[in-house]
Amino acid sequence: MLRSDQLQPLRSSDFIAVREVYADAIESQGEDVYTKQQTRAWASLAWLPGVLDTPLSEGIGWISLEKKLVVAFAVRYPFDRLALLYCRGQYARRGHASLLLDQVEKEACDEGQTRLVTEASRFSYPLLLRRGWVLTAIEQIQIGGVSFERYLMERIL
């Protein structure tokens, strides 16, 4: 069972580790629900300048650890949006994302937010539905010229 003491606030010294988590999450789990082309295009965003820089540096984030290894992370940016939620494939389905969501939702509520929004992938969509998030729309986007479907969702706090 995971414990809240496995969570730590995201610091700038964690940025390389969370980029590794981001890429690993997509590469290790992506081909179950995405094409190889989609997986490559999406994972490449971890290392492109400017893509994750603003949410990481200006957002409010948390990391989840196992034996001092960063295995998952979540970031709110801006304050009413879950911008990033990723877990290394090897550590998926162990409760890290739920623990991070508990923290993010509690923190947003404590700050006076009344709702959170997000753009969910096929990875996070089922988890968010189980946790009370509601689908508001489906949209098509392009990443590196490759089409993706994502799910616009909200959670009333």
C-alpha atoms as a PDB file:
ATOM      1  CA  MET A   1       0.000   0.000   0.000  1.00  0.00           C
ATOM      2  CA  LEU A   2       1.363   3.379  -0.964  1.00  0.00           C
ATOM      3  CA  ARG A   3       1.656   6.093   1.645  1.00  0.00           C
ATOM      4  CA  SER A   4       1.466   9.849   1.331  1.00  0.00           C
ATOM      5  CA  ASP A   5       5.042  10.113   2.628  1.00  0.00           C
ATOM      6  CA  GLN A   6       6.125   8.726  -0.740  1.00  0.00           C
ATOM      7  CA  LEU A   7       5.087  12.056  -2.236  1.00  0.00           C
ATOM      8  CA  GLN A   8       7.348  15.071  -2.413  1.00  0.00           C
ATOM      9  CA  PRO A   9       6.842  18.482  -3.959  1.00  0.00           C
ATOM     10  CA  LEU A  10       8.295  18.740  -7.448  1.00  0.00           C
ATOM     11  CA  ARG A  11      11.530  20.769  -7.496  1.00  0.00           C
ATOM     12  CA  SER A  12      13.616  21.989 -10.396  1.00  0.00           C
ATOM     13  CA  SER A  13      16.213  19.349  -9.512  1.00  0.00           C
ATOM     14  CA  ASP A  14      13.551  16.728 -10.420  1.00  0.00           C
ATOM     15  CA  PHE A  15      12.902  18.035 -13.944  1.00  0.00           C
ATOM     16  CA  ILE A  16      15.182  15.563 -15.742  1.00  0.00           C
ATOM     17  CA  ALA A  17      13.732  12.651 -13.754  1.00  0.00           C
ATOM     18  CA  VAL A  18      10.137  13.623 -14.561  1.00  0.00           C
ATOM     19  CA  ARG A  19      10.994  13.999 -18.254  1.00  0.00           C
ATOM     20  CA  GLU A  20      12.347  10.434 -18.068  1.00  0.00           C
ATOM     21  CA  VAL A  21       9.105   9.299 -16.403  1.00  0.00           C
ATOM     22  CA  TYR A  22       7.083  11.086 -19.112  1.00  0.00           C
ATOM     23  CA  ALA A  23       8.967   9.358 -21.944  1.00  0.00           C
ATOM     24  CA  ASP A  24       8.990   5.970 -20.192  1.00  0.00           C
ATOM     25  CA  ALA A  25       5.251   6.085 -19.485  1.00  0.00           C
ATOM     26  CA  ILE A  26       4.474   6.615 -23.153  1.00  0.00           C
ATOM     27  CA  GLU A  27       7.090   4.268 -24.586  1.00  0.00           C
ATOM     28  CA  SER A  28       6.460   1.387 -22.177  1.00  0.00           C
ATOM     29  CA  GLN A  29       2.652   1.510 -22.248  1.00  0.00           C
ATOM     30  CA  GLY A  30       1.822   3.380 -25.433  1.00  0.00           C
ATOM     31  CA  GLU A  31       1.783   0.609 -27.972  1.00  0.00           C
ATOM     32  CA  ASP A  32      -1.073  -1.071 -26.099  1.00  0.00           C
ATOM     33  CA  VAL A  33      -3.392   1.797 -27.064  1.00  0.00           C
ATOM     34  CA  TYR A  34      -1.503   3.900 -29.635  1.00  0.00           C
ATOM     35  CA  THR A  35       0.283   3.206 -32.923  1.00  0.00           C
ATOM     36  CA  LYS A  36       4.088   3.156 -33.030  1.00  0.00           C
ATOM     37  CA  GLN A  37       4.005   6.462 -34.900  1.00  0.00           C
ATOM     38  CA  GLN A  38       1.799   8.040 -32.217  1.00  0.00           C
ATOM     39  CA  THR A  39       3.981   6.664 -29.438  1.00  0.00           C
ATOM     40  CA  ARG A  40       7.178   8.047 -31.000  1.00  0.00           C
ATOM     41  CA  ALA A  41       5.656  11.466 -31.688  1.00  0.00           C
ATOM     42  CA  TRP A  42       4.229  11.831 -28.195  1.00  0.00           C
ATOM     43  CA  ALA A  43       7.271  10.519 -26.295  1.00  0.00           C
ATOM     44  CA  SER A  44       9.551  12.910 -28.187  1.00  0.00           C
ATOM     45  CA  LEU A  45       7.817  15.852 -26.497  1.00  0.00           C
ATOM     46  CA  ALA A  46       9.639  14.995 -23.254  1.00  0.00           C
ATOM     47  CA  TRP A  47      12.872  16.411 -24.629  1.00  0.00           C
ATOM     48  CA  LEU A  48      11.736  19.191 -26.977  1.00  0.00           C
ATOM     49  CA  PRO A  49      12.531  22.649 -25.626  1.00  0.00           C
ATOM     50  CA  GLY A  50       9.483  24.610 -24.557  1.00  0.00           C
ATOM     51  CA  VAL A  51       6.921  21.807 -24.442  1.00  0.00           C
ATOM     52  CA  LEU A  52       7.101  20.869 -20.744  1.00  0.00           C
ATOM     53  CA  ASP A  53       9.157  23.840 -19.561  1.00  0.00           C
ATOM     54  CA  THR A  54       6.306  26.138 -18.519  1.00  0.00           C
ATOM     55  CA  PRO A  55       4.120  23.586 -16.709  1.00  0.00           C
ATOM     56  CA  LEU A  56       7.147  22.223 -14.857  1.00  0.00           C
ATOM     57  CA  SER A  57       8.618  25.578 -13.874  1.00  0.00           C
ATOM     58  CA  GLU A  58       5.404  27.504 -13.219  1.00  0.00           C
ATOM     59  CA  GLY A  59       3.045  24.721 -12.146  1.00  0.00           C
ATOM     60  CA  ILE A  60       2.490  23.060  -8.805  1.00  0.00           C
ATOM     61  CA  GLY A  61       3.717  19.508  -8.926  1.00  0.00           C
ATOM     62  CA  TRP A  62       4.330  16.380  -6.915  1.00  0.00           C
ATOM     63  CA  ILE A  63       6.499  13.325  -7.440  1.00  0.00           C
ATOM     64  CA  SER A  64       5.884   9.799  -6.182  1.00  0.00           C
ATOM     65  CA  LEU A  65       8.898   7.757  -5.127  1.00  0.00           C
ATOM     66  CA  GLU A  66       9.769   4.097  -4.735  1.00  0.00           C
ATOM     67  CA  LYS A  67      13.140   3.444  -3.106  1.00  0.00           C
ATOM     68  CA  LYS A  68      14.159   7.049  -3.860  1.00  0.00           C
ATOM     69  CA  LEU A  69      13.383   6.628  -7.581  1.00  0.00           C
ATOM     70  CA  VAL A  70      10.921   9.071  -9.139  1.00  0.00           C
ATOM     71  CA  VAL A  71       8.298   6.744 -10.608  1.00  0.00           C
ATOM     72  CA  ALA A  72       5.345   9.076 -11.183  1.00  0.00           C
ATOM     73  CA  PHE A  73       4.450  12.753 -11.144  1.00  0.00           C
ATOM     74  CA  ALA A  74       1.561  15.165 -11.483  1.00  0.00           C
ATOM     75  CA  VAL A  75       1.491  18.896 -12.225  1.00  0.00           C
ATOM     76  CA  ARG A  76      -1.264  21.481 -12.009  1.00  0.00           C
ATOM     77  CA  TYR A  77      -0.855  24.350 -14.440  1.00  0.00           C
ATOM     78  CA  PRO A  78      -2.500  26.744 -14.336  1.00  0.00           C
ATOM     79  CA  PHE A  79      -4.062  26.362 -10.929  1.00  0.00           C
ATOM     80  CA  ASP A  80      -7.334  24.835 -12.160  1.00  0.00           C
ATOM     81  CA  ARG A  81      -5.867  22.332 -14.645  1.00  0.00           C
ATOM     82  CA  LEU A  82      -4.256  18.943 -14.242  1.00  0.00           C
ATOM     83  CA  ALA A  83      -1.590  19.438 -16.888  1.00  0.00           C
ATOM     84  CA  LEU A  84       0.541  16.314 -16.436  1.00  0.00           C
ATOM     85  CA  LEU A  85       0.030  12.894 -14.831  1.00  0.00           C
ATOM     86  CA  TYR A  86       2.514  10.162 -15.767  1.00  0.00           C
ATOM     87  CA  CYS A  87       3.848   6.935 -14.264  1.00  0.00           C
ATOM     88  CA  ARG A  88       6.705   4.695 -15.384  1.00  0.00           C
ATOM     89  CA  GLY A  89       5.293   1.561 -16.991  1.00  0.00           C
ATOM     90  CA  GLN A  90       7.049  -0.749 -14.560  1.00  0.00           C
ATOM     91  CA  TYR A  91       5.260   0.990 -11.657  1.00  0.00           C
ATOM     92  CA  ALA A  92       1.831   1.434 -13.272  1.00  0.00           C
ATOM     93  CA  ARG A  93      -1.297   0.163 -11.532  1.00  0.00           C
ATOM     94  CA  ARG A  94       0.295   0.293  -8.094  1.00  0.00           C
ATOM     95  CA  GLY A  95      -1.587   3.367  -6.870  1.00  0.00           C
ATOM     96  CA  HIS A  96       0.894   6.128  -7.708  1.00  0.00           C
ATOM     97  CA  ALA A  97      -1.491   8.039  -9.975  1.00  0.00           C
ATOM     98  CA  SER A  98      -4.316   7.772  -7.433  1.00  0.00           C
ATOM     99  CA  LEU A  99      -2.060   9.001  -4.647  1.00  0.00           C
ATOM    100  CA  LEU A 100      -0.941  11.920  -6.802  1.00  0.00           C
ATOM    101  CA  LEU A 101      -4.529  12.741  -7.784  1.00  0.00           C
ATOM    102  CA  ASP A 102      -5.582  12.715  -4.126  1.00  0.00           C
ATOM    103  CA  GLN A 103      -2.835  15.242  -3.398  1.00  0.00           C
ATOM    104  CA  VAL A 104      -3.557  17.452  -6.410  1.00  0.00           C
ATOM    105  CA  GLU A 105      -7.315  17.497  -5.793  1.00  0.00           C
ATOM    106  CA  LYS A 106      -6.936  18.165  -2.061  1.00  0.00           C
ATOM    107  CA  GLU A 107      -4.422  20.936  -2.635  1.00  0.00           C
ATOM    108  CA  ALA A 108      -6.597  22.595  -5.298  1.00  0.00           C
ATOM    109  CA  CYS A 109      -9.625  22.396  -3.008  1.00  0.00           C
ATOM    110  CA  ASP A 110      -7.626  23.836  -0.078  1.00  0.00           C
ATOM    111  CA  GLU A 111      -6.628  26.745  -2.333  1.00  0.00           C
ATOM    112  CA  GLY A 112     -10.273  27.501  -3.105  1.00  0.00           C
ATOM    113  CA  GLN A 113     -10.521  25.935  -6.551  1.00  0.00           C
ATOM    114  CA  THR A 114     -14.022  24.627  -7.226  1.00  0.00           C
ATOM    115  CA  ARG A 115     -13.097  22.455 -10.196  1.00  0.00           C
ATOM    116  CA  LEU A 116     -10.196  21.034 -12.138  1.00  0.00           C
ATOM    117  CA  VAL A 117     -10.012  20.418 -15.878  1.00  0.00           C
ATOM    118  CA  THR A 118      -7.691  18.276 -17.957  1.00  0.00           C
ATOM    119  CA  GLU A 119      -7.064  16.809 -21.385  1.00  0.00           C
ATOM    120  CA  ALA A 120      -6.838  13.067 -20.742  1.00  0.00           C
ATOM    121  CA  SER A 121      -5.112  10.475 -22.867  1.00  0.00           C
ATOM    122  CA  ARG A 122      -6.348   6.944 -23.375  1.00  0.00           C
ATOM    123  CA  PHE A 123      -4.076   6.038 -20.428  1.00  0.00           C
ATOM    124  CA  SER A 124      -5.606   8.358 -17.867  1.00  0.00           C
ATOM    125  CA  TYR A 125      -9.184   8.519 -19.138  1.00  0.00           C
ATOM    126  CA  PRO A 126     -10.422   5.315 -17.372  1.00  0.00           C
ATOM    127  CA  LEU A 127      -8.697   6.248 -14.102  1.00  0.00           C
ATOM    128  CA  LEU A 128     -10.161   9.742 -14.107  1.00  0.00           C
ATOM    129  CA  LEU A 129     -13.654   8.413 -14.849  1.00  0.00           C
ATOM    130  CA  ARG A 130     -13.389   6.023 -11.878  1.00  0.00           C
ATOM    131  CA  ARG A 131     -12.362   8.937  -9.679  1.00  0.00           C
ATOM    132  CA  GLY A 132     -15.389  11.084 -10.522  1.00  0.00           C
ATOM    133  CA  TRP A 133     -14.074  13.152 -13.409  1.00  0.00           C
ATOM    134  CA  VAL A 134     -16.627  13.817 -16.159  1.00  0.00           C
ATOM    135  CA  LEU A 135     -16.099  13.843 -19.910  1.00  0.00           C
ATOM    136  CA  THR A 136     -16.976  17.242 -21.398  1.00  0.00           C
ATOM    137  CA  ALA A 137     -15.748  16.774 -24.987  1.00  0.00           C
ATOM    138  CA  ILE A 138     -13.492  14.749 -27.255  1.00  0.00           C
ATOM    139  CA  GLU A 139     -11.015  16.566 -29.453  1.00  0.00           C
ATOM    140  CA  GLN A 140      -8.528  15.753 -32.164  1.00  0.00           C
ATOM    141  CA  ILE A 141      -5.023  17.191 -31.942  1.00  0.00           C
ATOM    142  CA  GLN A 142      -1.793  16.866 -33.875  1.00  0.00           C
ATOM    143  CA  ILE A 143       1.598  16.088 -32.345  1.00  0.00           C
ATOM    144  CA  GLY A 144       4.432  16.194 -34.837  1.00  0.00           C
ATOM    145  CA  GLY A 145       1.936  15.815 -37.669  1.00  0.00           C
ATOM    146  CA  VAL A 146       0.368  12.722 -36.080  1.00  0.00           C
ATOM    147  CA  SER A 147      -3.320  12.706 -35.097  1.00  0.00           C
ATOM    148  CA  PHE A 148      -4.458  11.958 -31.551  1.00  0.00           C
ATOM    149  CA  GLU A 149      -7.793  11.845 -29.808  1.00  0.00           C
ATOM    150  CA  ARG A 150      -7.967  13.179 -26.272  1.00  0.00           C
ATOM    151  CA  TYR A 151     -10.700  13.587 -23.711  1.00  0.00           C
ATOM    152  CA  LEU A 152     -11.546  16.937 -22.166  1.00  0.00           C
ATOM    153  CA  MET A 153     -12.631  16.306 -18.603  1.00  0.00           C
ATOM    154  CA  GLU A 154     -13.516  18.145 -15.421  1.00  0.00           C
ATOM    155  CA  ARG A 155     -13.759  17.329 -11.742  1.00  0.00           C
ATOM    156  CA  ILE A 156     -15.971  19.313  -9.414  1.00  0.00           C
ATOM    157  CA  LEU A 157     -14.190  19.586  -6.078  1.00  0.00           C
END
